Amino acid sequence: MLVLTRKSDESIRIGDDIIIRVVEVKGNQVRLGIEAPRHLRIYREELYQKISRENRLSAMAGLDTFGKLKEVFRKP
């Protein structure tokens, strides 16, 4: 992991088209501004983890539902 120190109004560039700027530092909170192409999805980590967990649960439920439907429509 790369660890950088930045002050308010300083930024970090990732590749050619992503800029992360420190907008404000207040106590133990840091406000970041992110400039990136619209096709990139940007999530807070806790939200990304929740989405991933829900997707996994949904996929497992989908497989279970498919199995149940298969039993219902099984030929005698």
Protein backbone atom coordinates (compact mmCIF):
# COMPACT_ATOMS: atom_id res chain seq x y z
CA MET A 1 0.00 0.00 0.00
CA LEU A 2 1.28 3.42 -0.92
CA VAL A 3 0.81 5.94 1.90
CA LEU A 4 1.00 9.65 1.06
CA THR A 5 0.77 12.81 3.10
CA ARG A 6 -1.31 15.64 1.62
CA LYS A 7 -2.54 18.97 2.93
CA SER A 8 -5.81 20.73 2.20
CA ASP A 9 -6.11 21.68 -1.51
CA GLU A 10 -3.36 19.22 -2.50
CA SER A 11 -4.12 16.29 -4.75
CA ILE A 12 -3.04 12.86 -5.92
CA ARG A 13 -3.24 11.69 -9.52
CA ILE A 14 -3.91 8.07 -10.45
CA GLY A 15 -3.10 7.36 -14.07
CA ASP A 16 -4.04 10.03 -16.59
CA ASP A 17 -7.65 10.60 -15.66
CA ILE A 18 -8.23 10.26 -11.89
CA ILE A 19 -7.52 13.08 -9.44
CA ILE A 20 -8.16 12.81 -5.70
CA ARG A 21 -8.07 16.18 -3.95
CA VAL A 22 -8.08 16.91 -0.23
CA VAL A 23 -10.94 19.39 0.07
CA GLU A 24 -10.97 19.88 3.84
CA VAL A 25 -9.39 18.51 6.99
CA LYS A 26 -11.42 19.00 10.16
CA GLY A 27 -10.52 17.08 13.32
CA ASN A 28 -10.36 13.40 12.44
CA GLN A 29 -12.34 13.81 9.20
CA VAL A 30 -10.96 14.40 5.74
CA ARG A 31 -13.19 15.50 2.84
CA LEU A 32 -11.99 14.25 -0.52
CA GLY A 33 -13.00 15.34 -3.99
CA ILE A 34 -12.63 12.79 -6.78
CA GLU A 35 -12.44 13.64 -10.47
CA ALA A 36 -12.77 10.53 -12.62
CA PRO A 37 -14.42 9.42 -15.85
CA ARG A 38 -18.15 8.80 -15.48
CA HIS A 39 -17.85 5.13 -16.43
CA LEU A 40 -15.83 4.42 -13.26
CA ARG A 41 -17.86 3.45 -10.21
CA ILE A 42 -16.64 5.08 -7.02
CA TYR A 43 -17.94 3.83 -3.66
CA ARG A 44 -17.13 4.37 -0.01
CA GLU A 45 -15.54 1.14 1.24
CA GLU A 46 -18.33 0.29 3.70
CA LEU A 47 -20.95 0.71 0.96
CA TYR A 48 -18.92 -1.41 -1.48
CA GLN A 49 -18.66 -4.19 1.12
CA LYS A 50 -22.43 -4.09 1.69
CA ILE A 51 -23.15 -4.24 -2.06
CA SER A 52 -20.75 -7.17 -2.47
CA ARG A 53 -22.34 -9.05 0.44
CA GLU A 54 -25.86 -8.48 -0.93
CA ASN A 55 -24.78 -9.62 -4.39
CA ARG A 56 -23.31 -12.84 -2.98
CA LEU A 57 -26.47 -13.52 -0.96
CA SER A 58 -28.64 -12.79 -3.97
CA ALA A 59 -26.61 -15.14 -6.17
CA MET A 60 -26.89 -17.93 -3.60
CA ALA A 61 -30.63 -17.37 -3.24
CA GLY A 62 -30.95 -17.44 -7.02
CA LEU A 63 -29.28 -20.84 -7.21
CA ASP A 64 -31.51 -22.18 -4.46
CA THR A 65 -34.62 -20.86 -6.22
CA PHE A 66 -33.52 -22.44 -9.49
CA GLY A 67 -33.10 -25.79 -7.75
CA LYS A 68 -36.58 -25.56 -6.23
CA LEU A 69 -38.12 -24.68 -9.59
CA LYS A 70 -36.34 -27.62 -11.16
CA GLU A 71 -37.97 -29.91 -8.58
CA VAL A 72 -41.42 -28.42 -9.23
CA PHE A 73 -41.18 -28.94 -12.98
CA ARG A 74 -39.45 -32.33 -12.86
CA LYS A 75 -41.13 -34.94 -15.03
CA PRO A 76 -42.79 -37.76 -13.05
